Amino acid sequence: MNMAAVITASVFLLISVAALIYLFAGKSEFCSGKFKNYYRACCGVYVSGALLVFVFTLIMKGLPVAFVIISDLTILAVFIFTAALIYFMSKKLVEVANNAGSANEESGKEDKQ
């Protein structure tokens, strides 16, 4: 077993679990907004990917450290991209809903006149 690979994978696994715990216990916009379940699901996928790489390091004795680093960084990049996509799309949805609500109010005022 390559101890450097195991240590590297365990560090990435701890980071992913810490992010998931933060999403359940934190007090930021990501932890308490309407879309908190989407962020939690996204982070759950990140934790499962990091766990899979960790299990690979335990099972495969000659797994190189470069594989572990590249795999975990790729999983992290997908997590960041997905979380950013959820964030920007949710902002856009809220903006569209507000514009639709204000348009309905304006059309209601015009109909009354």
N, C-alpha and C. Protein backbone atom coordinates (compact mmCIF):
# COMPACT_ATOMS: atom_id res chain seq x y z
N MET A 1 0.85 -1.18 0.00
CA MET A 1 0.00 0.00 0.00
C MET A 1 0.90 1.24 0.00
N ASN A 2 0.59 2.17 -0.87
CA ASN A 2 1.34 3.41 -0.98
C ASN A 2 0.79 4.40 0.06
N MET A 3 1.55 4.62 1.12
CA MET A 3 1.06 5.46 2.23
C MET A 3 0.84 6.91 1.82
N ALA A 4 1.65 7.43 0.90
CA ALA A 4 1.45 8.80 0.45
C ALA A 4 0.11 8.94 -0.27
N ALA A 5 -0.25 7.94 -1.06
CA ALA A 5 -1.53 7.97 -1.76
C ALA A 5 -2.69 7.88 -0.77
N VAL A 6 -2.54 7.03 0.24
CA VAL A 6 -3.60 6.89 1.25
C VAL A 6 -3.77 8.18 2.04
N ILE A 7 -2.68 8.81 2.41
CA ILE A 7 -2.75 10.07 3.16
C ILE A 7 -3.38 11.17 2.31
N THR A 8 -2.97 11.25 1.05
CA THR A 8 -3.53 12.27 0.16
C THR A 8 -5.03 12.06 -0.04
N ALA A 9 -5.42 10.82 -0.26
CA ALA A 9 -6.85 10.53 -0.45
C ALA A 9 -7.64 10.80 0.81
N SER A 10 -7.05 10.51 1.97
CA SER A 10 -7.77 10.76 3.23
C SER A 10 -7.92 12.25 3.50
N VAL A 11 -6.94 13.05 3.10
CA VAL A 11 -7.06 14.50 3.27
C VAL A 11 -8.20 15.04 2.40
N PHE A 12 -8.27 14.60 1.15
CA PHE A 12 -9.36 15.04 0.28
C PHE A 12 -10.71 14.55 0.79
N LEU A 13 -10.75 13.35 1.35
CA LEU A 13 -11.99 12.83 1.92
C LEU A 13 -12.43 13.66 3.13
N LEU A 14 -11.49 14.04 3.96
CA LEU A 14 -11.82 14.88 5.12
C LEU A 14 -12.33 16.25 4.68
N ILE A 15 -11.73 16.81 3.64
CA ILE A 15 -12.20 18.10 3.12
C ILE A 15 -13.63 17.98 2.61
N SER A 16 -13.92 16.90 1.90
CA SER A 16 -15.27 16.74 1.36
C SER A 16 -16.30 16.52 2.47
N VAL A 17 -15.94 15.76 3.48
CA VAL A 17 -16.86 15.54 4.60
C VAL A 17 -17.06 16.83 5.39
N ALA A 18 -16.00 17.61 5.54
CA ALA A 18 -16.12 18.91 6.22
C ALA A 18 -17.05 19.84 5.46
N ALA A 19 -16.97 19.83 4.13
CA ALA A 19 -17.87 20.66 3.32
C ALA A 19 -19.32 20.20 3.49
N LEU A 20 -19.53 18.90 3.54
CA LEU A 20 -20.89 18.39 3.73
C LEU A 20 -21.43 18.74 5.12
N ILE A 21 -20.61 18.63 6.13
CA ILE A 21 -21.04 19.00 7.48
C ILE A 21 -21.36 20.50 7.54
N TYR A 22 -20.55 21.30 6.86
CA TYR A 22 -20.81 22.74 6.83
C TYR A 22 -22.15 23.04 6.17
N LEU A 23 -22.48 22.31 5.10
CA LEU A 23 -23.75 22.55 4.43
C LEU A 23 -24.95 22.15 5.29
N PHE A 24 -24.75 21.25 6.23
CA PHE A 24 -25.84 20.87 7.13
C PHE A 24 -25.90 21.75 8.38
N ALA A 25 -24.73 22.25 8.84
CA ALA A 25 -24.71 22.97 10.11
C ALA A 25 -24.38 24.45 9.98
N GLY A 26 -23.98 24.90 8.80
CA GLY A 26 -23.56 26.29 8.63
C GLY A 26 -24.73 27.26 8.59
N LYS A 27 -24.38 28.53 8.54
CA LYS A 27 -25.40 29.57 8.55
C LYS A 27 -25.30 30.52 7.36
N SER A 28 -24.68 30.08 6.28
CA SER A 28 -24.55 30.93 5.11
C SER A 28 -25.77 30.76 4.18
N GLU A 29 -25.73 31.48 3.08
CA GLU A 29 -26.82 31.42 2.11
C GLU A 29 -26.97 30.02 1.52
N PHE A 30 -25.86 29.31 1.36
CA PHE A 30 -25.90 27.97 0.80
C PHE A 30 -26.56 26.97 1.75
N CYS A 31 -26.49 27.25 3.04
CA CYS A 31 -26.98 26.30 4.04
C CYS A 31 -28.45 26.51 4.39
N SER A 32 -29.00 27.67 4.08
CA SER A 32 -30.35 27.95 4.55
C SER A 32 -31.30 28.45 3.47
N GLY A 33 -30.86 28.58 2.25
CA GLY A 33 -31.73 29.09 1.20
C GLY A 33 -32.70 28.04 0.68
N LYS A 34 -33.46 28.43 -0.34
CA LYS A 34 -34.42 27.52 -0.94
C LYS A 34 -33.74 26.33 -1.62
N PHE A 35 -32.53 26.55 -2.08
CA PHE A 35 -31.84 25.54 -2.87
C PHE A 35 -30.81 24.76 -2.06
N LYS A 36 -30.94 24.75 -0.74
CA LYS A 36 -29.96 24.08 0.12
C LYS A 36 -29.88 22.58 -0.14
N ASN A 37 -31.00 21.96 -0.48
CA ASN A 37 -30.98 20.52 -0.74
C ASN A 37 -30.18 20.19 -2.00
N TYR A 38 -30.19 21.09 -2.97
CA TYR A 38 -29.41 20.87 -4.18
C TYR A 38 -27.91 20.96 -3.88
N TYR A 39 -27.53 21.92 -3.05
CA TYR A 39 -26.12 22.03 -2.65
C TYR A 39 -25.69 20.80 -1.84
N ARG A 40 -26.55 20.33 -0.98
CA ARG A 40 -26.23 19.15 -0.18
C ARG A 40 -26.09 17.91 -1.06
N ALA A 41 -26.96 17.77 -2.03
CA ALA A 41 -26.87 16.62 -2.95
C ALA A 41 -25.59 16.71 -3.79
N CYS A 42 -25.27 17.90 -4.22
CA CYS A 42 -24.04 18.11 -4.99
C CYS A 42 -22.82 17.74 -4.15
N CYS A 43 -22.82 18.13 -2.90
CA CYS A 43 -21.71 17.81 -2.01
C CYS A 43 -21.70 16.32 -1.67
N GLY A 44 -22.85 15.70 -1.59
CA GLY A 44 -22.91 14.27 -1.36
C GLY A 44 -22.25 13.48 -2.48
N VAL A 45 -22.44 13.93 -3.72
CA VAL A 45 -21.76 13.31 -4.85
C VAL A 45 -20.26 13.51 -4.74
N TYR A 46 -19.84 14.68 -4.29
CA TYR A 46 -18.42 14.95 -4.09
C TYR A 46 -17.83 14.03 -3.03
N VAL A 47 -18.55 13.83 -1.93
CA VAL A 47 -18.07 12.94 -0.87
C VAL A 47 -17.98 11.51 -1.40
N SER A 48 -18.96 11.07 -2.16
CA SER A 48 -18.92 9.69 -2.67
C SER A 48 -17.75 9.49 -3.64
N GLY A 49 -17.43 10.50 -4.44
CA GLY A 49 -16.27 10.40 -5.33
C GLY A 49 -14.97 10.35 -4.57
N ALA A 50 -14.84 11.18 -3.55
CA ALA A 50 -13.63 11.18 -2.74
C ALA A 50 -13.50 9.87 -1.96
N LEU A 51 -14.62 9.33 -1.51
CA LEU A 51 -14.61 8.05 -0.82
C LEU A 51 -14.19 6.92 -1.76
N LEU A 52 -14.66 6.98 -2.98
CA LEU A 52 -14.29 5.96 -3.97
C LEU A 52 -12.79 5.97 -4.23
N VAL A 53 -12.20 7.14 -4.38
CA VAL A 53 -10.75 7.23 -4.58
C VAL A 53 -10.02 6.72 -3.34
N PHE A 54 -10.53 7.02 -2.17
CA PHE A 54 -9.91 6.52 -0.93
C PHE A 54 -9.94 5.00 -0.86
N VAL A 55 -11.07 4.41 -1.23
CA VAL A 55 -11.18 2.95 -1.24
C VAL A 55 -10.21 2.35 -2.26
N PHE A 56 -10.08 2.99 -3.42
CA PHE A 56 -9.11 2.52 -4.42
C PHE A 56 -7.70 2.50 -3.85
N THR A 57 -7.35 3.53 -3.07
CA THR A 57 -5.99 3.57 -2.51
C THR A 57 -5.79 2.47 -1.48
N LEU A 58 -6.85 2.07 -0.81
CA LEU A 58 -6.73 0.99 0.17
C LEU A 58 -6.64 -0.38 -0.51
N ILE A 59 -7.35 -0.55 -1.60
CA ILE A 59 -7.40 -1.86 -2.27
C ILE A 59 -6.19 -2.08 -3.18
N MET A 60 -5.86 -1.09 -3.99
CA MET A 60 -4.77 -1.24 -4.96
C MET A 60 -3.46 -0.82 -4.32
N LYS A 61 -2.54 -1.75 -4.24
CA LYS A 61 -1.29 -1.51 -3.52
C LYS A 61 -0.35 -0.56 -4.25
N GLY A 62 -0.29 -0.60 -5.55
CA GLY A 62 0.67 0.21 -6.29
C GLY A 62 0.07 1.45 -6.94
N LEU A 63 -0.98 1.97 -6.38
CA LEU A 63 -1.64 3.13 -6.98
C LEU A 63 -0.77 4.37 -6.81
N PRO A 64 -0.43 5.04 -7.91
CA PRO A 64 0.45 6.21 -7.79
C PRO A 64 -0.25 7.41 -7.17
N VAL A 65 0.53 8.26 -6.54
CA VAL A 65 0.00 9.46 -5.90
C VAL A 65 -0.56 10.42 -6.95
N ALA A 66 0.06 10.45 -8.12
CA ALA A 66 -0.41 11.33 -9.19
C ALA A 66 -1.85 11.00 -9.58
N PHE A 67 -2.19 9.72 -9.62
CA PHE A 67 -3.56 9.32 -9.93
C PHE A 67 -4.52 9.83 -8.88
N VAL A 68 -4.14 9.72 -7.63
CA VAL A 68 -5.00 10.17 -6.53
C VAL A 68 -5.21 11.67 -6.61
N ILE A 69 -4.15 12.41 -6.83
CA ILE A 69 -4.26 13.88 -6.89
C ILE A 69 -5.11 14.30 -8.09
N ILE A 70 -4.83 13.73 -9.25
CA ILE A 70 -5.60 14.10 -10.44
C ILE A 70 -7.07 13.73 -10.27
N SER A 71 -7.34 12.56 -9.73
CA SER A 71 -8.73 12.13 -9.54
C SER A 71 -9.47 13.04 -8.56
N ASP A 72 -8.83 13.33 -7.44
CA ASP A 72 -9.50 14.16 -6.43
C ASP A 72 -9.66 15.60 -6.90
N LEU A 73 -8.70 16.12 -7.62
CA LEU A 73 -8.84 17.48 -8.15
C LEU A 73 -9.92 17.55 -9.22
N THR A 74 -10.06 16.50 -10.01
CA THR A 74 -11.13 16.47 -11.01
C THR A 74 -12.50 16.41 -10.33
N ILE A 75 -12.62 15.60 -9.31
CA ILE A 75 -13.88 15.52 -8.57
C ILE A 75 -14.19 16.86 -7.91
N LEU A 76 -13.18 17.51 -7.35
CA LEU A 76 -13.36 18.83 -6.74
C LEU A 76 -13.78 19.86 -7.78
N ALA A 77 -13.18 19.81 -8.97
CA ALA A 77 -13.55 20.76 -10.03
C ALA A 77 -15.00 20.56 -10.47
N VAL A 78 -15.43 19.32 -10.56
CA VAL A 78 -16.83 19.05 -10.93
C VAL A 78 -17.76 19.56 -9.83
N PHE A 79 -17.38 19.37 -8.58
CA PHE A 79 -18.20 19.87 -7.47
C PHE A 79 -18.31 21.39 -7.50
N ILE A 80 -17.19 22.06 -7.69
CA ILE A 80 -17.21 23.53 -7.73
C ILE A 80 -18.03 24.02 -8.92
N PHE A 81 -17.86 23.40 -10.08
CA PHE A 81 -18.63 23.80 -11.26
C PHE A 81 -20.13 23.60 -11.04
N THR A 82 -20.51 22.46 -10.48
CA THR A 82 -21.92 22.18 -10.25
C THR A 82 -22.52 23.12 -9.21
N ALA A 83 -21.79 23.38 -8.14
CA ALA A 83 -22.28 24.31 -7.12
C ALA A 83 -22.42 25.72 -7.69
N ALA A 84 -21.46 26.14 -8.50
CA ALA A 84 -21.55 27.46 -9.13
C ALA A 84 -22.72 27.52 -10.10
N LEU A 85 -22.93 26.45 -10.83
CA LEU A 85 -24.06 26.40 -11.76
C LEU A 85 -25.39 26.50 -11.01
N ILE A 86 -25.51 25.79 -9.92
CA ILE A 86 -26.73 25.87 -9.10
C ILE A 86 -26.91 27.29 -8.58
N TYR A 87 -25.83 27.90 -8.11
CA TYR A 87 -25.91 29.24 -7.55
C TYR A 87 -26.36 30.26 -8.59
N PHE A 88 -25.72 30.26 -9.75
CA PHE A 88 -26.07 31.26 -10.76
C PHE A 88 -27.43 31.00 -11.39
N MET A 89 -27.79 29.75 -11.55
CA MET A 89 -29.11 29.45 -12.11
C MET A 89 -30.22 29.80 -11.11
N SER A 90 -29.98 29.59 -9.83
CA SER A 90 -30.99 29.94 -8.84
C SER A 90 -31.16 31.46 -8.76
N LYS A 91 -30.05 32.20 -8.88
CA LYS A 91 -30.17 33.67 -8.91
C LYS A 91 -30.98 34.11 -10.12
N LYS A 92 -30.75 33.47 -11.25
CA LYS A 92 -31.47 33.83 -12.47
C LYS A 92 -32.95 33.49 -12.33
N LEU A 93 -33.27 32.34 -11.72
CA LEU A 93 -34.66 31.96 -11.52
C LEU A 93 -35.39 32.94 -10.61
N VAL A 94 -34.74 33.38 -9.56
CA VAL A 94 -35.34 34.34 -8.64
C VAL A 94 -35.57 35.67 -9.36
N GLU A 95 -34.62 36.07 -10.18
CA GLU A 95 -34.75 37.32 -10.93
C GLU A 95 -35.91 37.24 -11.92
N VAL A 96 -36.04 36.14 -12.63
CA VAL A 96 -37.13 35.96 -13.59
C VAL A 96 -38.47 35.94 -12.85
N ALA A 97 -38.53 35.28 -11.71
CA ALA A 97 -39.78 35.24 -10.93
C ALA A 97 -40.17 36.62 -10.44
N ASN A 98 -39.20 37.42 -10.00
CA ASN A 98 -39.50 38.78 -9.56
C ASN A 98 -39.98 39.64 -10.72
N ASN A 99 -39.35 39.48 -11.89
CA ASN A 99 -39.78 40.25 -13.06
C ASN A 99 -41.18 39.84 -13.49
N ALA A 100 -41.48 38.56 -13.43
CA ALA A 100 -42.82 38.09 -13.80
C ALA A 100 -43.86 38.61 -12.80
N GLY A 101 -43.51 38.63 -11.53
CA GLY A 101 -44.43 39.14 -10.52
C GLY A 101 -44.71 40.63 -10.70
N SER A 102 -43.67 41.39 -11.00
CA SER A 102 -43.88 42.82 -11.20
C SER A 102 -44.64 43.09 -12.50
N ALA A 103 -44.44 42.26 -13.52
CA ALA A 103 -45.19 42.41 -14.76
C ALA A 103 -46.66 42.10 -14.55
N ASN A 104 -46.94 41.09 -13.72
CA ASN A 104 -48.34 40.76 -13.42
C ASN A 104 -49.01 41.88 -12.65
N GLU A 105 -48.29 42.50 -11.73
CA GLU A 105 -48.86 43.62 -10.97
C GLU A 105 -49.15 44.81 -11.88
N GLU A 106 -48.24 45.10 -12.81
CA GLU A 106 -48.45 46.22 -13.73
C GLU A 106 -49.63 45.97 -14.66
N SER A 107 -49.75 44.74 -15.15
CA SER A 107 -50.88 44.43 -16.04
C SER A 107 -52.19 44.46 -15.28
N GLY A 108 -52.17 44.10 -14.01
CA GLY A 108 -53.38 44.16 -13.19
C GLY A 108 -53.81 45.60 -12.95
N LYS A 109 -52.84 46.50 -12.79
CA LYS A 109 -53.18 47.92 -12.60
C LYS A 109 -53.74 48.52 -13.88
N GLU A 110 -53.20 48.12 -15.02
CA GLU A 110 -53.69 48.64 -16.30
C GLU A 110 -55.10 48.15 -16.58
N ASP A 111 -55.41 46.92 -16.20
CA ASP A 111 -56.75 46.36 -16.44
C ASP A 111 -57.80 47.08 -15.60
N LYS A 112 -57.43 47.53 -14.41
CA LYS A 112 -58.37 48.20 -13.53
C LYS A 112 -58.69 49.62 -14.02
N GLN A 113 -57.76 50.20 -14.72
CA GLN A 113 -57.97 51.58 -15.19
C GLN A 113 -58.81 51.55 -16.40
